[in-house]
């Protein structure tokens, strides 16, 4: 079975978690996670389907895919989980990533290995200034899409909370930044489309 990104467990009690952000800006020793056991059955199923989907596996940070996902009640996943206190800050040294049934690696070790491979600090991983993105547990390099660049930049804009829950202001700032990035990307794609096949203007009758 292929490795699955974004899933792990807490070392203290083996509770299963989904890792929304692997590195927090200004606080590289902490991550933002969702304790999946605290979710309703419907929300749990929606989260797991997202994680296992191409959108979830291609996302550099799961939180970006969560913001675009819709729960069974029609609400967006990331804002809903934030509003209901499901996003928690934990130490990366207390998180084991479990990409498959036989592998368990501390998130802190993964972050450190990736940082050393890139020649940066762990804190820099939240900024997304490199042109590569790492694969959980295997630390393989692969070309990064423009969406993953936006995802990493988006992660850098969320300031690390002190009480384990990000504030409304921090989440709103992150979502606005992500929306701006998506708008610019859409504009660029339209310009490329126009260069390839210009839009034909309808002739008006005299």
N, C-alpha and C. Protein backbone atom coordinates (compact mmCIF):
# COMPACT_ATOMS: atom_id res chain seq x y z
N UNK A 1 0.84 -1.20 0.00
CA UNK A 1 0.00 0.00 0.00
C UNK A 1 0.87 1.24 0.00
N UNK A 2 0.51 2.25 -0.77
CA UNK A 2 1.28 3.49 -0.87
C UNK A 2 1.24 4.26 0.45
N UNK A 3 2.31 5.02 0.70
CA UNK A 3 2.35 5.84 1.90
C UNK A 3 1.27 6.91 1.85
N UNK A 4 0.71 7.22 3.01
CA UNK A 4 -0.32 8.25 3.13
C UNK A 4 0.25 9.42 3.93
N UNK A 5 0.22 10.59 3.36
CA UNK A 5 0.70 11.79 4.05
C UNK A 5 -0.32 12.29 5.07
N UNK A 6 0.18 13.12 5.98
CA UNK A 6 -0.64 13.91 6.91
C UNK A 6 -1.24 13.12 8.07
N UNK A 7 -0.97 11.83 8.20
CA UNK A 7 -1.57 11.05 9.29
C UNK A 7 -0.49 10.64 10.29
N UNK A 8 -0.89 10.57 11.55
CA UNK A 8 0.06 10.19 12.59
C UNK A 8 -0.64 9.88 13.90
N UNK A 9 0.13 9.91 14.97
CA UNK A 9 -0.42 9.63 16.30
C UNK A 9 0.41 10.38 17.34
N UNK A 10 -0.18 10.59 18.51
CA UNK A 10 0.51 11.22 19.62
C UNK A 10 1.31 10.16 20.36
N UNK A 11 2.54 10.47 20.69
CA UNK A 11 3.37 9.49 21.38
C UNK A 11 2.91 9.24 22.81
N UNK A 12 2.21 10.21 23.39
CA UNK A 12 1.80 10.08 24.79
C UNK A 12 0.67 9.08 25.00
N UNK A 13 -0.23 8.96 24.03
CA UNK A 13 -1.39 8.08 24.21
C UNK A 13 -1.79 7.31 22.96
N UNK A 14 -1.00 7.45 21.89
CA UNK A 14 -1.26 6.75 20.62
C UNK A 14 -2.57 7.17 19.95
N UNK A 15 -3.13 8.30 20.35
CA UNK A 15 -4.34 8.78 19.69
C UNK A 15 -4.02 9.20 18.26
N UNK A 16 -4.88 8.80 17.34
CA UNK A 16 -4.66 9.10 15.94
C UNK A 16 -4.96 10.57 15.65
N UNK A 17 -4.13 11.18 14.82
CA UNK A 17 -4.30 12.59 14.47
C UNK A 17 -4.07 12.80 12.98
N UNK A 18 -4.60 13.92 12.50
CA UNK A 18 -4.29 14.40 11.17
C UNK A 18 -3.48 15.68 11.35
N UNK A 19 -2.37 15.79 10.67
CA UNK A 19 -1.48 16.95 10.84
C UNK A 19 -1.84 18.01 9.81
N UNK A 20 -2.43 19.10 10.30
CA UNK A 20 -2.85 20.18 9.40
C UNK A 20 -1.66 21.03 8.96
N UNK A 21 -0.80 21.41 9.91
CA UNK A 21 0.43 22.14 9.62
C UNK A 21 1.58 21.46 10.32
N UNK A 22 2.60 21.07 9.59
CA UNK A 22 3.74 20.35 10.17
C UNK A 22 4.72 21.28 10.87
N UNK A 23 4.77 22.54 10.45
CA UNK A 23 5.66 23.52 11.05
C UNK A 23 4.89 24.82 11.20
N UNK A 24 4.96 25.43 12.38
CA UNK A 24 4.30 26.71 12.59
C UNK A 24 5.33 27.84 12.52
N UNK A 25 5.04 28.91 11.82
CA UNK A 25 5.95 30.05 11.74
C UNK A 25 6.24 30.61 13.12
N UNK A 26 7.50 30.96 13.36
CA UNK A 26 7.96 31.52 14.64
C UNK A 26 7.87 30.52 15.78
N UNK A 27 7.49 29.29 15.48
CA UNK A 27 7.40 28.25 16.51
C UNK A 27 7.63 26.89 15.84
N UNK A 28 8.85 26.66 15.34
CA UNK A 28 9.12 25.46 14.54
C UNK A 28 9.06 24.15 15.31
N UNK A 29 8.95 24.23 16.63
CA UNK A 29 8.88 23.01 17.43
C UNK A 29 7.45 22.52 17.63
N UNK A 30 6.48 23.22 17.03
CA UNK A 30 5.08 22.83 17.19
C UNK A 30 4.39 22.64 15.85
N UNK A 31 3.36 21.80 15.86
CA UNK A 31 2.53 21.57 14.69
C UNK A 31 1.07 21.79 15.07
N UNK A 32 0.21 21.89 14.06
CA UNK A 32 -1.22 22.05 14.29
C UNK A 32 -1.91 20.78 13.83
N UNK A 33 -2.65 20.13 14.73
CA UNK A 33 -3.22 18.81 14.41
C UNK A 33 -4.70 18.74 14.75
N UNK A 34 -5.34 17.70 14.23
CA UNK A 34 -6.74 17.39 14.54
C UNK A 34 -6.78 16.01 15.19
N UNK A 35 -7.32 15.93 16.40
CA UNK A 35 -7.52 14.64 17.07
C UNK A 35 -8.75 14.01 16.44
N UNK A 36 -8.54 13.02 15.60
CA UNK A 36 -9.66 12.48 14.81
C UNK A 36 -10.72 11.80 15.67
N UNK A 37 -10.34 11.35 16.87
CA UNK A 37 -11.31 10.67 17.74
C UNK A 37 -12.35 11.63 18.29
N UNK A 38 -12.08 12.94 18.24
CA UNK A 38 -13.02 13.92 18.76
C UNK A 38 -14.05 14.35 17.73
N UNK A 39 -13.91 13.87 16.49
CA UNK A 39 -14.82 14.27 15.42
C UNK A 39 -16.06 13.39 15.40
N UNK A 40 -17.13 13.93 14.86
CA UNK A 40 -18.32 13.11 14.64
C UNK A 40 -18.02 12.11 13.53
N UNK A 41 -18.83 11.09 13.41
CA UNK A 41 -18.59 10.07 12.38
C UNK A 41 -18.57 10.69 10.99
N UNK A 42 -19.51 11.62 10.74
CA UNK A 42 -19.59 12.25 9.42
C UNK A 42 -18.35 13.10 9.13
N UNK A 43 -17.93 13.90 10.13
CA UNK A 43 -16.75 14.75 9.94
C UNK A 43 -15.49 13.91 9.81
N UNK A 44 -15.41 12.83 10.58
CA UNK A 44 -14.26 11.94 10.51
C UNK A 44 -14.15 11.32 9.11
N UNK A 45 -15.26 10.87 8.59
CA UNK A 45 -15.26 10.26 7.26
C UNK A 45 -14.85 11.28 6.20
N UNK A 46 -15.36 12.51 6.33
CA UNK A 46 -15.03 13.56 5.37
C UNK A 46 -13.54 13.88 5.41
N UNK A 47 -12.97 13.95 6.61
CA UNK A 47 -11.55 14.26 6.75
C UNK A 47 -10.70 13.14 6.16
N UNK A 48 -11.02 11.90 6.46
CA UNK A 48 -10.22 10.79 5.96
C UNK A 48 -10.31 10.66 4.44
N UNK A 49 -11.49 10.91 3.89
CA UNK A 49 -11.64 10.88 2.44
C UNK A 49 -10.79 11.98 1.79
N UNK A 50 -10.75 13.13 2.44
CA UNK A 50 -9.94 14.23 1.92
C UNK A 50 -8.46 13.87 1.96
N UNK A 51 -8.01 13.32 3.09
CA UNK A 51 -6.60 12.96 3.24
C UNK A 51 -6.18 11.95 2.16
N UNK A 52 -7.02 10.98 1.91
CA UNK A 52 -6.69 9.92 0.96
C UNK A 52 -6.90 10.32 -0.50
N UNK A 53 -7.55 11.44 -0.72
CA UNK A 53 -7.84 11.90 -2.09
C UNK A 53 -6.60 12.49 -2.73
N UNK A 54 -6.57 12.61 -4.06
CA UNK A 54 -5.44 13.27 -4.74
C UNK A 54 -5.20 14.68 -4.22
N UNK A 55 -6.28 15.42 -3.94
CA UNK A 55 -6.13 16.79 -3.43
C UNK A 55 -5.42 16.80 -2.09
N UNK A 56 -5.76 15.86 -1.22
CA UNK A 56 -5.13 15.79 0.08
C UNK A 56 -3.68 15.36 -0.01
N UNK A 57 -3.38 14.38 -0.84
CA UNK A 57 -2.03 13.86 -0.95
C UNK A 57 -1.09 14.82 -1.71
N UNK A 58 -1.66 15.64 -2.58
CA UNK A 58 -0.84 16.60 -3.31
C UNK A 58 -0.59 17.87 -2.52
N UNK A 59 -1.38 18.11 -1.48
CA UNK A 59 -1.24 19.33 -0.67
C UNK A 59 0.02 19.26 0.17
N UNK A 60 0.82 20.31 0.12
CA UNK A 60 2.02 20.37 0.96
C UNK A 60 1.62 20.42 2.43
N UNK A 61 0.62 21.19 2.75
CA UNK A 61 0.07 21.24 4.10
C UNK A 61 -1.42 20.89 4.00
N UNK A 62 -1.87 19.96 4.82
CA UNK A 62 -3.25 19.47 4.74
C UNK A 62 -4.25 20.59 4.96
N UNK A 63 -3.91 21.58 5.77
CA UNK A 63 -4.85 22.66 6.09
C UNK A 63 -5.35 23.38 4.84
N UNK A 64 -4.51 23.48 3.83
CA UNK A 64 -4.92 24.16 2.60
C UNK A 64 -6.03 23.38 1.91
N UNK A 65 -5.87 22.06 1.84
CA UNK A 65 -6.91 21.22 1.25
C UNK A 65 -8.17 21.24 2.11
N UNK A 66 -8.00 21.30 3.44
CA UNK A 66 -9.14 21.35 4.36
C UNK A 66 -9.96 22.61 4.14
N UNK A 67 -9.29 23.71 3.81
CA UNK A 67 -10.01 24.96 3.61
C UNK A 67 -10.89 24.91 2.36
N UNK A 68 -10.54 24.05 1.42
CA UNK A 68 -11.31 23.94 0.17
C UNK A 68 -12.35 22.83 0.24
N UNK A 69 -12.26 21.98 1.27
CA UNK A 69 -13.18 20.84 1.39
C UNK A 69 -14.48 21.24 2.08
N UNK A 70 -15.56 20.59 1.69
CA UNK A 70 -16.88 20.87 2.25
C UNK A 70 -17.36 19.67 3.05
N UNK A 71 -17.83 19.91 4.27
CA UNK A 71 -18.35 18.85 5.12
C UNK A 71 -19.77 18.47 4.70
N UNK A 72 -20.31 17.45 5.32
CA UNK A 72 -21.64 16.95 4.95
C UNK A 72 -22.74 17.97 5.19
N UNK A 73 -22.51 18.93 6.12
CA UNK A 73 -23.52 19.95 6.39
C UNK A 73 -23.37 21.18 5.50
N UNK A 74 -22.41 21.13 4.58
CA UNK A 74 -22.22 22.23 3.65
C UNK A 74 -21.19 23.26 4.08
N UNK A 75 -20.67 23.15 5.31
CA UNK A 75 -19.68 24.11 5.79
C UNK A 75 -18.28 23.71 5.34
N UNK A 76 -17.37 24.70 5.25
CA UNK A 76 -16.00 24.41 4.88
C UNK A 76 -15.27 23.82 6.07
N UNK A 77 -14.44 22.82 5.79
CA UNK A 77 -13.83 22.03 6.85
C UNK A 77 -12.91 22.84 7.77
N UNK A 78 -11.97 23.59 7.22
CA UNK A 78 -10.99 24.28 8.06
C UNK A 78 -11.64 25.32 8.99
N UNK A 79 -12.48 26.22 8.47
CA UNK A 79 -13.12 27.18 9.37
C UNK A 79 -14.00 26.51 10.43
N UNK A 80 -14.70 25.42 10.05
CA UNK A 80 -15.57 24.74 11.00
C UNK A 80 -14.76 24.09 12.11
N UNK A 81 -13.69 23.41 11.74
CA UNK A 81 -12.83 22.76 12.73
C UNK A 81 -12.19 23.81 13.64
N UNK A 82 -11.85 24.95 13.07
CA UNK A 82 -11.28 26.03 13.89
C UNK A 82 -12.31 26.56 14.88
N UNK A 83 -13.51 26.83 14.38
CA UNK A 83 -14.56 27.40 15.22
C UNK A 83 -14.97 26.47 16.35
N UNK A 84 -14.87 25.16 16.12
CA UNK A 84 -15.28 24.18 17.14
C UNK A 84 -14.10 23.66 17.96
N UNK A 85 -12.93 24.31 17.82
CA UNK A 85 -11.79 23.97 18.66
C UNK A 85 -11.12 22.65 18.34
N UNK A 86 -11.24 22.18 17.09
CA UNK A 86 -10.63 20.90 16.72
C UNK A 86 -9.16 21.02 16.36
N UNK A 87 -8.68 22.23 16.06
CA UNK A 87 -7.28 22.43 15.71
C UNK A 87 -6.47 22.68 16.98
N UNK A 88 -5.50 21.83 17.24
CA UNK A 88 -4.71 21.92 18.47
C UNK A 88 -3.22 22.00 18.15
N UNK A 89 -2.50 22.80 18.95
CA UNK A 89 -1.06 22.92 18.79
C UNK A 89 -0.37 21.90 19.69
N UNK A 90 0.54 21.11 19.11
CA UNK A 90 1.29 20.11 19.87
C UNK A 90 2.76 20.16 19.45
N UNK A 91 3.63 19.66 20.29
CA UNK A 91 5.05 19.61 19.97
C UNK A 91 5.31 18.58 18.88
N UNK A 92 6.16 18.93 17.93
CA UNK A 92 6.48 17.99 16.86
C UNK A 92 7.22 16.77 17.40
N UNK A 93 7.88 16.91 18.54
CA UNK A 93 8.59 15.78 19.15
C UNK A 93 7.63 14.80 19.80
N UNK A 94 6.35 15.18 19.89
CA UNK A 94 5.34 14.31 20.48
C UNK A 94 4.38 13.76 19.43
N UNK A 95 4.76 13.91 18.16
CA UNK A 95 3.95 13.43 17.04
C UNK A 95 4.74 12.42 16.23
N UNK A 96 4.17 11.26 16.02
CA UNK A 96 4.76 10.26 15.13
C UNK A 96 3.93 10.21 13.86
N UNK A 97 4.59 10.39 12.71
CA UNK A 97 3.92 10.24 11.43
C UNK A 97 3.87 8.76 11.09
N UNK A 98 2.71 8.29 10.65
CA UNK A 98 2.53 6.87 10.34
C UNK A 98 2.01 6.71 8.92
N UNK A 99 2.88 6.87 7.93
CA UNK A 99 2.45 6.80 6.52
C UNK A 99 1.98 5.42 6.08
N UNK A 100 2.33 4.39 6.87
CA UNK A 100 1.85 3.04 6.57
C UNK A 100 1.81 2.25 7.87
N UNK A 101 1.44 0.99 7.80
CA UNK A 101 1.24 0.18 9.00
C UNK A 101 2.54 -0.23 9.69
N UNK A 102 3.67 -0.05 9.03
CA UNK A 102 4.93 -0.51 9.61
C UNK A 102 5.91 0.61 9.91
N UNK A 103 5.55 1.85 9.60
CA UNK A 103 6.47 2.97 9.76
C UNK A 103 5.94 3.97 10.77
N UNK A 104 6.80 4.44 11.66
CA UNK A 104 6.45 5.48 12.62
C UNK A 104 7.70 6.33 12.84
N UNK A 105 7.64 7.59 12.44
CA UNK A 105 8.79 8.49 12.54
C UNK A 105 8.35 9.78 13.20
N UNK A 106 9.13 10.26 14.16
CA UNK A 106 8.80 11.51 14.83
C UNK A 106 8.76 12.66 13.82
N UNK A 107 7.75 13.49 13.93
CA UNK A 107 7.63 14.63 13.03
C UNK A 107 8.82 15.57 13.18
N UNK A 108 9.32 15.71 14.40
CA UNK A 108 10.48 16.57 14.63
C UNK A 108 11.69 16.07 13.85
N UNK A 109 11.86 14.74 13.77
CA UNK A 109 12.98 14.17 13.03
C UNK A 109 12.80 14.37 11.53
N UNK A 110 11.56 14.22 11.06
CA UNK A 110 11.29 14.44 9.63
C UNK A 110 11.59 15.88 9.26
N UNK A 111 11.09 16.81 10.07
CA UNK A 111 11.33 18.23 9.79
C UNK A 111 12.82 18.55 9.79
N UNK A 112 13.56 17.99 10.75
CA UNK A 112 14.99 18.24 10.83
C UNK A 112 15.72 17.66 9.63
N UNK A 113 15.36 16.45 9.22
CA UNK A 113 16.01 15.81 8.07
C UNK A 113 15.76 16.59 6.79
N UNK A 114 14.52 17.05 6.62
CA UNK A 114 14.18 17.82 5.42
C UNK A 114 14.94 19.15 5.42
N UNK A 115 15.02 19.79 6.58
CA UNK A 115 15.72 21.07 6.69
C UNK A 115 17.20 20.90 6.35
N UNK A 116 17.83 19.83 6.87
CA UNK A 116 19.24 19.58 6.58
C UNK A 116 19.45 19.28 5.11
N UNK A 117 18.53 18.54 4.51
CA UNK A 117 18.64 18.21 3.09
C UNK A 117 18.56 19.46 2.22
N UNK A 118 17.74 20.40 2.66
CA UNK A 118 17.57 21.64 1.89
C UNK A 118 18.59 22.71 2.25
N UNK A 119 19.33 22.49 3.34
CA UNK A 119 20.31 23.48 3.78
C UNK A 119 19.69 24.68 4.44
N UNK A 120 18.56 24.47 5.14
CA UNK A 120 17.87 25.57 5.83
C UNK A 120 17.58 25.14 7.26
N UNK A 121 16.97 26.03 8.04
CA UNK A 121 16.54 25.68 9.38
C UNK A 121 15.13 25.12 9.33
N UNK A 122 14.71 24.46 10.41
CA UNK A 122 13.35 23.93 10.47
C UNK A 122 12.34 25.07 10.35
N UNK A 123 12.65 26.21 10.95
CA UNK A 123 11.74 27.36 10.88
C UNK A 123 11.50 27.80 9.44
N UNK A 124 12.53 27.65 8.60
CA UNK A 124 12.40 28.06 7.19
C UNK A 124 11.43 27.19 6.41
N UNK A 125 11.14 25.99 6.90
CA UNK A 125 10.23 25.09 6.19
C UNK A 125 8.82 25.66 6.13
N UNK A 126 8.47 26.53 7.07
CA UNK A 126 7.14 27.12 7.08
C UNK A 126 7.02 28.25 6.08
N UNK A 127 8.14 28.70 5.54
CA UNK A 127 8.13 29.85 4.62
C UNK A 127 7.94 29.41 3.19
N UNK A 128 8.49 28.25 2.81
CA UNK A 128 8.32 27.74 1.45
C UNK A 128 9.13 28.49 0.43
N UNK A 129 10.38 28.83 0.76
CA UNK A 129 11.21 29.59 -0.16
C UNK A 129 11.97 28.71 -1.15
N UNK A 130 11.91 27.37 -0.94
CA UNK A 130 12.65 26.47 -1.82
C UNK A 130 11.78 26.09 -3.02
N UNK A 131 12.35 25.34 -3.95
CA UNK A 131 11.60 24.93 -5.13
C UNK A 131 11.26 23.45 -5.10
N UNK A 132 11.35 22.83 -3.93
CA UNK A 132 11.03 21.42 -3.79
C UNK A 132 10.09 21.25 -2.60
N UNK A 133 9.40 20.13 -2.57
CA UNK A 133 8.57 19.80 -1.42
C UNK A 133 8.85 18.36 -1.03
N UNK A 134 8.88 18.12 0.29
CA UNK A 134 9.25 16.79 0.75
C UNK A 134 8.05 15.87 0.85
N UNK A 135 8.29 14.56 0.75
CA UNK A 135 7.27 13.55 0.95
C UNK A 135 7.43 12.99 2.35
N UNK A 136 6.32 12.91 3.09
CA UNK A 136 6.38 12.47 4.47
C UNK A 136 7.01 11.09 4.57
N UNK A 137 7.87 10.95 5.56
CA UNK A 137 8.54 9.70 5.93
C UNK A 137 9.65 9.30 4.95
N UNK A 138 9.45 9.44 3.64
CA UNK A 138 10.48 9.03 2.70
C UNK A 138 11.44 10.17 2.38
N UNK A 139 11.04 11.40 2.60
CA UNK A 139 11.85 12.59 2.34
C UNK A 139 12.38 12.57 0.91
N UNK A 140 11.54 12.16 -0.02
CA UNK A 140 11.91 12.21 -1.43
C UNK A 140 11.62 13.59 -2.00
N UNK A 141 12.43 14.03 -2.95
CA UNK A 141 12.21 15.33 -3.58
C UNK A 141 11.39 15.16 -4.85
N UNK A 142 10.48 16.09 -5.07
CA UNK A 142 9.72 16.07 -6.31
C UNK A 142 9.37 17.50 -6.68
N UNK A 143 9.16 17.79 -7.99
CA UNK A 143 8.85 19.15 -8.40
C UNK A 143 7.62 19.67 -7.69
N UNK A 144 7.68 20.92 -7.33
CA UNK A 144 6.57 21.55 -6.62
C UNK A 144 5.67 22.30 -7.59
N UNK A 145 4.36 22.18 -7.41
CA UNK A 145 3.42 22.94 -8.22
C UNK A 145 3.27 24.32 -7.64
N UNK A 146 2.70 25.23 -8.41
CA UNK A 146 2.49 26.58 -7.91
C UNK A 146 1.52 26.58 -6.74
N UNK A 147 0.55 25.66 -6.74
CA UNK A 147 -0.38 25.58 -5.63
C UNK A 147 0.32 25.22 -4.34
N UNK A 148 1.35 24.35 -4.41
CA UNK A 148 2.04 23.97 -3.19
C UNK A 148 2.90 25.11 -2.68
N UNK A 149 3.40 25.97 -3.59
CA UNK A 149 4.11 27.16 -3.16
C UNK A 149 3.18 28.07 -2.37
N UNK A 150 1.96 28.24 -2.90
CA UNK A 150 0.97 29.06 -2.20
C UNK A 150 0.63 28.44 -0.85
N UNK A 151 0.59 27.12 -0.81
CA UNK A 151 0.25 26.44 0.44
C UNK A 151 1.31 26.71 1.50
N UNK A 152 2.58 26.65 1.12
CA UNK A 152 3.64 26.87 2.08
C UNK A 152 3.65 28.33 2.53
N UNK A 153 3.45 29.25 1.58
CA UNK A 153 3.40 30.65 1.95
C UNK A 153 2.24 30.93 2.88
N UNK A 154 1.13 30.25 2.63
CA UNK A 154 -0.06 30.40 3.47
C UNK A 154 0.24 29.91 4.89
N UNK A 155 0.98 28.84 5.01
CA UNK A 155 1.33 28.31 6.33
C UNK A 155 2.18 29.31 7.09
N UNK A 156 3.05 30.02 6.38
CA UNK A 156 3.93 30.97 7.03
C UNK A 156 3.20 32.16 7.59
N UNK A 157 2.02 32.44 7.08
CA UNK A 157 1.30 33.64 7.51
C UNK A 157 0.45 33.41 8.76
N UNK A 158 0.29 32.15 9.15
CA UNK A 158 -0.44 31.87 10.39
C UNK A 158 0.54 31.94 11.55
N UNK A 159 0.39 32.90 12.45
CA UNK A 159 1.27 33.03 13.59
C UNK A 159 0.97 31.94 14.59
N UNK A 160 2.01 31.42 15.23
CA UNK A 160 1.83 30.32 16.18
C UNK A 160 1.03 30.80 17.38
N UNK A 161 -0.07 30.13 17.75
CA UNK A 161 -0.86 30.51 18.90
C UNK A 161 -0.20 30.09 20.20
N UNK A 162 -0.56 30.72 21.30
CA UNK A 162 0.01 30.39 22.60
C UNK A 162 -0.89 29.47 23.40
N UNK A 163 -2.16 29.37 23.03
CA UNK A 163 -3.09 28.55 23.80
C UNK A 163 -3.50 27.28 23.07
N UNK A 164 -2.81 26.97 21.96
CA UNK A 164 -3.11 25.74 21.25
C UNK A 164 -4.19 25.87 20.20
N UNK A 165 -4.82 27.06 20.06
CA UNK A 165 -5.88 27.27 19.07
C UNK A 165 -5.59 28.57 18.34
N UNK A 166 -5.62 28.54 17.00
CA UNK A 166 -5.37 29.76 16.25
C UNK A 166 -6.57 30.70 16.39
N UNK A 167 -6.29 32.01 16.39
CA UNK A 167 -7.36 32.99 16.58
C UNK A 167 -8.13 33.22 15.29
N UNK A 168 -9.32 33.85 15.42
CA UNK A 168 -10.11 34.19 14.23
C UNK A 168 -9.33 35.11 13.31
N UNK A 169 -8.58 36.08 13.91
CA UNK A 169 -7.82 37.03 13.11
C UNK A 169 -6.74 36.34 12.30
N UNK A 170 -6.04 35.36 12.94
CA UNK A 170 -4.98 34.64 12.24
C UNK A 170 -5.53 33.78 11.12
N UNK A 171 -6.64 33.10 11.37
CA UNK A 171 -7.24 32.27 10.34
C UNK A 171 -7.77 33.12 9.19
N UNK A 172 -8.40 34.25 9.52
CA UNK A 172 -8.94 35.14 8.49
C UNK A 172 -7.83 35.69 7.61
N UNK A 173 -6.71 36.08 8.25
CA UNK A 173 -5.58 36.61 7.48
C UNK A 173 -5.02 35.56 6.54
N UNK A 174 -4.96 34.32 7.02
CA UNK A 174 -4.46 33.23 6.19
C UNK A 174 -5.37 32.98 5.00
N UNK A 175 -6.68 32.95 5.25
CA UNK A 175 -7.64 32.68 4.18
C UNK A 175 -7.65 33.80 3.15
N UNK A 176 -7.53 35.07 3.61
CA UNK A 176 -7.48 36.19 2.66
C UNK A 176 -6.23 36.09 1.78
N UNK A 177 -5.11 35.75 2.42
CA UNK A 177 -3.86 35.62 1.67
C UNK A 177 -3.97 34.51 0.62
N UNK A 178 -4.58 33.40 1.02
CA UNK A 178 -4.75 32.28 0.09
C UNK A 178 -5.66 32.67 -1.07
N UNK A 179 -6.72 33.42 -0.76
CA UNK A 179 -7.65 33.86 -1.80
C UNK A 179 -6.95 34.79 -2.79
N UNK A 180 -6.09 35.69 -2.26
CA UNK A 180 -5.34 36.59 -3.14
C UNK A 180 -4.43 35.81 -4.08
N UNK A 181 -3.77 34.78 -3.52
CA UNK A 181 -2.88 33.97 -4.34
C UNK A 181 -3.63 33.23 -5.43
N UNK A 182 -4.81 32.70 -5.10
CA UNK A 182 -5.61 31.97 -6.07
C UNK A 182 -6.11 32.90 -7.16
N UNK A 183 -6.46 34.15 -6.78
CA UNK A 183 -6.94 35.13 -7.76
C UNK A 183 -5.84 35.46 -8.76
N UNK A 184 -4.60 35.66 -8.24
CA UNK A 184 -3.48 35.98 -9.11
C UNK A 184 -3.18 34.82 -10.05
N UNK A 185 -3.27 33.59 -9.52
CA UNK A 185 -3.01 32.41 -10.34
C UNK A 185 -4.07 32.28 -11.44
N UNK A 186 -5.34 32.55 -11.09
CA UNK A 186 -6.41 32.46 -12.08
C UNK A 186 -6.21 33.52 -13.17
N UNK A 187 -5.78 34.71 -12.77
CA UNK A 187 -5.54 35.78 -13.75
C UNK A 187 -4.42 35.39 -14.70
N UNK A 188 -3.36 34.77 -14.15
CA UNK A 188 -2.23 34.37 -14.98
C UNK A 188 -2.65 33.30 -15.98
N UNK A 189 -3.46 32.35 -15.54
CA UNK A 189 -3.92 31.28 -16.42
C UNK A 189 -4.81 31.83 -17.54
N UNK A 190 -5.65 32.81 -17.18
CA UNK A 190 -6.50 33.42 -18.22
C UNK A 190 -5.65 34.12 -19.29
N UNK A 191 -4.60 34.80 -18.83
CA UNK A 191 -3.73 35.49 -19.78
C UNK A 191 -3.05 34.49 -20.71
N UNK A 192 -2.63 33.34 -20.15
CA UNK A 192 -2.01 32.32 -20.99
C UNK A 192 -3.01 31.77 -22.00
N UNK A 193 -4.26 31.58 -21.56
CA UNK A 193 -5.30 31.08 -22.45
C UNK A 193 -5.56 32.07 -23.59
N UNK A 194 -5.55 33.35 -23.27
CA UNK A 194 -5.78 34.37 -24.29
C UNK A 194 -4.65 34.38 -25.32
N UNK A 195 -3.41 34.13 -24.86
CA UNK A 195 -2.28 34.10 -25.77
C UNK A 195 -2.40 32.92 -26.73
N UNK A 196 -2.90 31.80 -26.23
CA UNK A 196 -3.05 30.61 -27.07
C UNK A 196 -4.21 30.75 -28.05
N UNK A 197 -5.38 31.11 -27.53
CA UNK A 197 -6.58 31.27 -28.35
C UNK A 197 -7.32 32.51 -27.88
N UNK A 198 -7.11 33.63 -28.56
CA UNK A 198 -7.79 34.87 -28.15
C UNK A 198 -9.30 34.72 -28.20
N UNK A 199 -9.97 35.34 -27.24
CA UNK A 199 -11.42 35.30 -27.21
C UNK A 199 -12.00 36.08 -28.39
N UNK A 200 -12.92 35.45 -29.12
CA UNK A 200 -13.54 36.11 -30.27
C UNK A 200 -14.67 37.01 -29.81
N UNK A 201 -14.61 38.27 -30.21
CA UNK A 201 -15.64 39.21 -29.85
C UNK A 201 -16.84 39.08 -30.79
N UNK A 202 -18.03 39.10 -30.21
CA UNK A 202 -19.24 38.98 -31.02
C UNK A 202 -19.46 40.27 -31.81
N UNK A 203 -19.83 40.09 -33.08
CA UNK A 203 -20.10 41.26 -33.93
C UNK A 203 -21.49 41.81 -33.61
N UNK A 204 -21.57 43.11 -33.49
CA UNK A 204 -22.86 43.74 -33.22
C UNK A 204 -23.49 44.16 -34.53
N UNK A 205 -24.79 43.90 -34.63
CA UNK A 205 -25.50 44.25 -35.85
C UNK A 205 -25.79 45.75 -35.90
N UNK A 206 -25.68 46.29 -37.11
CA UNK A 206 -25.87 47.74 -37.28
C UNK A 206 -27.35 48.07 -37.17
